[in-house]
Amino acid sequence: MPRGWRYGAVVSKKRRSRQTRRYTTRPSPPAPAAPKRSAWRRVSGRGVRRPAWPWIATVAAVVVAGTALVIASSGSSSSSAGGSTGPLLASTASFDSAGTQPVDGIQCQRGEQVLFHIHSHLAVFVNGQQRTIPLGIGIAPPRQVESGVAFGGTCFYWLHSHTPDGVIHLESPTRRSYTLGDYFDIWHQPLSPTQVGPAAGPVTAYRNGIRLTGDPRDISLGNHTLVQLDVGKDVPPRSYSFESGL
């Protein structure tokens, strides 16, 4: 036995070593990294990998197109209310060159009159095709026009049109009756049972969906009155919705 060797000391060291190994906390292994999602997909049964991003691009394109369609539809709805409806029935050239003298007792005044302020609508069909009633009837030139609306001119007759959609503005300083003949006289266009402006032929007239007989010049204009004149082919009366505020 070597000198200075102690059995008890060796046993004690071995025990402490085992205890140290037993109670020492081992570091936890690192968590496995989440697998990266591939931008490719495997086509079932063929072993061919196909990119997933074209589907994402397609969905995005559909969403964008749908949004654009909604915006366009909203915009078209707003503009169509004041937009043209077909070939022009007649221009305002005759009116523009006629001066600003009173017509049928109706004056042309610098400001629009609001004591008696109502709106009617005129639709004209020639052989089944709707024609556009121009803007600027009853608004003496030079006119100020912006976004398809005539908002200014030398003066305003009490019957006039701001937009090419057939809406007739009746803005008078006195309460009195007005007829479709008054409007055509201001426009300097003929109107009779056989002619509407330059369009000639038998004329069928409707007022608020009711067929009339007699001279279309005598058709009275009231608040939200719907007038339809058919030259040649008879067209069933069409409805019209006035914009909010009219």
Protein backbone atom coordinates (compact mmCIF):
# COMPACT_ATOMS: atom_id res chain seq x y z
CA MET A 1 0.00 0.00 0.00
CA PRO A 2 1.54 3.31 -0.99
CA ARG A 3 2.54 5.65 1.67
CA GLY A 4 -0.10 8.11 2.72
CA TRP A 5 -2.81 6.26 0.85
CA ARG A 6 -6.19 6.48 2.45
CA TYR A 7 -9.08 4.22 1.39
CA GLY A 8 -11.77 6.42 2.91
CA ALA A 9 -10.60 9.49 0.99
CA VAL A 10 -10.78 7.67 -2.36
CA VAL A 11 -14.29 6.39 -1.68
CA SER A 12 -15.42 9.86 -0.67
CA LYS A 13 -14.10 11.40 -3.94
CA LYS A 14 -15.86 8.78 -6.04
CA ARG A 15 -19.19 9.40 -4.31
CA ARG A 16 -18.93 13.16 -4.77
CA SER A 17 -18.13 12.69 -8.45
CA ARG A 18 -21.21 10.48 -8.98
CA GLN A 19 -23.44 12.89 -7.10
CA THR A 20 -22.16 15.81 -9.18
CA ARG A 21 -22.87 13.99 -12.38
CA ARG A 22 -26.33 12.96 -11.14
CA TYR A 23 -27.61 16.39 -10.12
CA THR A 24 -25.93 18.61 -12.68
CA THR A 25 -28.54 20.00 -15.13
CA ARG A 26 -27.75 19.21 -18.67
CA PRO A 27 -28.49 21.93 -21.27
CA SER A 28 -31.65 21.33 -23.31
CA PRO A 29 -31.08 20.54 -26.95
CA PRO A 30 -32.00 23.42 -29.30
CA ALA A 31 -35.59 23.37 -30.64
CA PRO A 32 -35.76 22.21 -34.21
CA ALA A 33 -36.26 25.07 -36.65
CA ALA A 34 -39.70 25.32 -38.22
CA PRO A 35 -39.62 23.94 -41.72
CA LYS A 36 -39.68 26.67 -44.31
CA ARG A 37 -42.80 26.72 -46.45
CA SER A 38 -41.87 26.19 -49.99
CA ALA A 39 -43.20 28.45 -52.66
CA TRP A 40 -43.76 25.30 -54.67
CA ARG A 41 -46.37 22.61 -54.49
CA ARG A 42 -46.18 19.05 -55.64
CA VAL A 43 -48.65 18.00 -58.28
CA SER A 44 -50.33 14.82 -57.05
CA GLY A 45 -49.37 11.65 -58.90
CA ARG A 46 -46.82 13.25 -61.20
CA GLY A 47 -43.91 14.15 -59.00
CA VAL A 48 -43.79 17.59 -60.57
CA ARG A 49 -43.39 20.60 -58.34
CA ARG A 50 -45.39 23.68 -59.30
CA PRO A 51 -45.06 27.19 -57.84
CA ALA A 52 -47.87 28.35 -55.51
CA TRP A 53 -47.37 32.06 -56.14
CA PRO A 54 -49.29 32.13 -59.48
CA TRP A 55 -52.43 31.23 -57.52
CA ILE A 56 -51.73 34.07 -55.11
CA ALA A 57 -51.22 36.45 -58.03
CA THR A 58 -54.47 35.27 -59.61
CA VAL A 59 -56.46 35.86 -56.41
CA ALA A 60 -54.92 39.31 -56.01
CA ALA A 61 -55.75 40.18 -59.60
CA VAL A 62 -59.36 39.10 -59.11
CA VAL A 63 -59.66 41.24 -55.97
CA VAL A 64 -58.17 44.27 -57.72
CA ALA A 65 -60.37 43.78 -60.76
CA GLY A 66 -63.47 43.45 -58.59
CA THR A 67 -62.60 46.62 -56.70
CA ALA A 68 -62.03 48.48 -59.95
CA LEU A 69 -65.36 47.20 -61.29
CA VAL A 70 -67.21 48.45 -58.20
CA ILE A 71 -65.53 51.85 -58.46
CA ALA A 72 -66.18 52.02 -62.18
CA SER A 73 -69.80 50.98 -61.70
CA SER A 74 -70.26 53.64 -59.05
CA GLY A 75 -68.64 56.22 -61.19
CA SER A 76 -70.63 55.27 -64.31
CA SER A 77 -73.84 55.29 -62.36
CA SER A 78 -73.09 58.80 -61.15
CA SER A 79 -72.06 60.05 -64.62
CA SER A 80 -74.77 58.25 -66.54
CA ALA A 81 -77.40 60.22 -64.68
CA GLY A 82 -76.18 63.32 -66.51
CA GLY A 83 -74.83 61.61 -69.62
CA SER A 84 -76.02 61.45 -73.20
CA THR A 85 -78.45 58.75 -74.32
CA GLY A 86 -77.71 58.34 -78.03
CA PRO A 87 -77.23 60.42 -81.20
CA LEU A 88 -78.02 64.10 -80.81
CA LEU A 89 -81.58 65.03 -81.76
CA ALA A 90 -80.58 68.61 -82.58
CA SER A 91 -77.85 70.99 -81.46
CA THR A 92 -78.32 74.38 -79.80
CA ALA A 93 -76.96 76.25 -82.84
CA SER A 94 -80.31 77.85 -83.71
CA PHE A 95 -80.83 78.94 -80.13
CA ASP A 96 -77.27 80.22 -79.80
CA SER A 97 -77.69 82.56 -82.78
CA ALA A 98 -81.19 83.79 -81.93
CA GLY A 99 -80.32 86.34 -79.26
CA THR A 100 -81.80 86.69 -75.80
CA GLN A 101 -85.17 88.31 -76.42
CA PRO A 102 -88.22 86.93 -74.54
CA VAL A 103 -89.83 83.78 -75.99
CA ASP A 104 -93.51 83.07 -75.27
CA GLY A 105 -93.30 85.60 -72.44
CA ILE A 106 -90.32 83.75 -70.93
CA GLN A 107 -87.33 85.99 -70.24
CA CYS A 108 -83.63 85.32 -70.19
CA GLN A 109 -82.26 86.69 -66.92
CA ARG A 110 -78.76 86.83 -65.53
CA GLY A 111 -79.50 84.74 -62.47
CA GLU A 112 -81.53 81.57 -62.10
CA GLN A 113 -84.93 82.17 -60.53
CA VAL A 114 -85.92 79.97 -57.60
CA LEU A 115 -89.39 81.10 -56.55
CA PHE A 116 -90.92 78.42 -58.77
CA HIS A 117 -88.36 75.65 -59.21
CA ILE A 118 -89.36 72.22 -60.54
CA HIS A 119 -87.98 69.62 -62.95
CA SER A 120 -89.40 67.55 -65.80
CA HIS A 121 -87.83 64.99 -68.12
CA LEU A 122 -88.01 64.65 -71.89
CA ALA A 123 -87.14 61.48 -73.82
CA VAL A 124 -87.29 61.31 -77.62
CA PHE A 125 -87.13 58.14 -79.75
CA VAL A 126 -86.76 58.22 -83.53
CA ASN A 127 -87.66 54.90 -85.18
CA GLY A 128 -86.99 53.13 -81.91
CA GLN A 129 -83.62 54.75 -81.17
CA GLN A 130 -83.31 57.19 -78.30
CA ARG A 131 -81.87 60.61 -79.09
CA THR A 132 -79.92 62.94 -76.85
CA ILE A 133 -81.36 66.28 -75.77
CA PRO A 134 -78.37 68.63 -75.59
CA LEU A 135 -77.19 70.61 -72.61
CA GLY A 136 -77.36 74.38 -72.76
CA ILE A 137 -80.90 74.79 -74.11
CA GLY A 138 -82.08 78.10 -72.64
CA ILE A 139 -78.60 79.07 -71.38
CA ALA A 140 -77.28 81.84 -73.61
CA PRO A 141 -73.68 81.61 -74.79
CA PRO A 142 -70.89 81.88 -74.01
CA ARG A 143 -71.57 78.98 -71.65
CA GLN A 144 -69.39 77.66 -68.89
CA VAL A 145 -69.33 73.85 -69.04
CA GLU A 146 -67.49 71.53 -66.71
CA SER A 147 -67.72 67.73 -66.51
CA GLY A 148 -70.70 67.68 -68.85
CA VAL A 149 -72.69 70.30 -66.90
CA ALA A 150 -73.50 73.78 -68.23
CA PHE A 151 -73.45 75.88 -65.08
CA GLY A 152 -73.11 79.40 -66.46
CA GLY A 153 -73.90 81.63 -69.39
CA THR A 154 -74.89 85.15 -70.40
CA CYS A 155 -78.40 84.58 -69.04
CA PHE A 156 -80.90 81.83 -68.22
CA TYR A 157 -84.34 81.36 -69.69
CA TRP A 158 -86.83 80.11 -67.15
CA LEU A 159 -86.82 76.77 -68.98
CA HIS A 160 -83.34 75.40 -69.63
CA SER A 161 -81.11 72.30 -69.54
CA HIS A 162 -77.85 71.92 -67.63
CA THR A 163 -77.08 68.35 -68.73
CA PRO A 164 -77.58 66.18 -71.86
CA ASP A 165 -79.90 63.72 -70.11
CA GLY A 166 -83.28 65.27 -70.95
CA VAL A 167 -83.90 66.96 -67.61
CA ILE A 168 -85.74 70.28 -68.02
CA HIS A 169 -85.18 72.85 -65.28
CA LEU A 170 -88.16 75.14 -64.74
CA GLU A 171 -86.95 78.07 -62.65
CA SER A 172 -89.36 80.97 -62.75
CA PRO A 173 -89.89 84.17 -60.74
CA THR A 174 -93.65 83.56 -60.92
CA ARG A 175 -95.88 80.53 -60.62
CA ARG A 176 -97.37 79.81 -64.01
CA SER A 177 -97.98 76.88 -66.33
CA TYR A 178 -95.37 75.86 -68.89
CA THR A 179 -95.70 73.51 -71.83
CA LEU A 180 -93.40 71.41 -73.96
CA GLY A 181 -94.08 73.88 -76.78
CA ASP A 182 -92.48 76.64 -74.68
CA TYR A 183 -89.34 74.58 -74.32
CA PHE A 184 -89.08 73.81 -78.04
CA ASP A 185 -89.69 77.46 -78.88
CA ILE A 186 -86.75 78.48 -76.67
CA TRP A 187 -84.71 75.73 -78.35
CA HIS A 188 -85.84 77.07 -81.74
CA GLN A 189 -86.86 73.61 -82.87
CA PRO A 190 -90.19 72.60 -84.47
CA LEU A 191 -92.68 70.45 -82.57
CA SER A 192 -95.95 69.12 -83.98
CA PRO A 193 -97.93 65.87 -84.34
CA THR A 194 -95.71 65.06 -87.34
CA GLN A 195 -92.31 66.45 -86.32
CA VAL A 196 -89.94 66.62 -83.36
CA GLY A 197 -86.98 68.83 -84.12
CA PRO A 198 -85.48 67.65 -87.42
CA ALA A 199 -87.13 64.19 -87.12
CA ALA A 200 -90.27 63.91 -89.23
CA GLY A 201 -92.98 61.26 -88.96
CA PRO A 202 -96.07 60.41 -86.92
CA VAL A 203 -95.51 61.38 -83.29
CA THR A 204 -96.77 59.30 -80.36
CA ALA A 205 -96.71 61.18 -77.06
CA TYR A 206 -96.73 59.88 -73.49
CA ARG A 207 -97.02 61.86 -70.26
CA ASN A 208 -96.21 59.94 -67.09
CA GLY A 209 -96.74 56.70 -68.99
CA ILE A 210 -100.16 57.66 -70.35
CA ARG A 211 -100.59 57.92 -74.10
CA LEU A 212 -101.89 61.28 -75.26
CA THR A 213 -103.67 62.51 -78.35
CA GLY A 214 -103.54 65.95 -79.89
CA ASP A 215 -100.68 68.41 -80.26
CA PRO A 216 -97.53 67.53 -78.24
CA ARG A 217 -96.90 71.26 -77.87
CA ASP A 218 -99.73 71.39 -75.34
CA ILE A 219 -98.21 68.85 -72.95
CA SER A 220 -97.97 70.53 -69.56
CA LEU A 221 -94.76 70.35 -67.57
CA GLY A 222 -94.95 69.75 -63.83
CA ASN A 223 -92.73 68.53 -61.05
CA HIS A 224 -91.09 65.25 -62.13
CA THR A 225 -93.30 65.02 -65.20
CA LEU A 226 -92.04 62.34 -67.62
CA VAL A 227 -92.62 63.15 -71.29
CA GLN A 228 -91.78 60.71 -74.07
CA LEU A 229 -92.11 61.43 -77.77
CA ASP A 230 -91.82 58.60 -80.31
CA VAL A 231 -91.28 59.56 -83.94
CA GLY A 232 -92.20 56.70 -86.25
CA LYS A 233 -91.97 53.45 -84.28
CA ASP A 234 -93.95 53.43 -81.06
CA VAL A 235 -91.76 52.64 -78.04
CA PRO A 236 -93.34 51.60 -74.74
CA PRO A 237 -92.91 54.42 -72.20
CA ARG A 238 -89.65 54.27 -70.29
CA SER A 239 -89.15 55.15 -66.66
CA TYR A 240 -86.66 57.72 -65.41
CA SER A 241 -85.24 58.36 -61.94
CA PHE A 242 -84.34 61.91 -61.04
CA GLU A 243 -81.12 62.50 -59.19
CA SER A 244 -81.34 63.26 -55.50
CA GLY A 245 -82.08 66.92 -54.97
CA LEU A 246 -83.98 67.45 -58.21
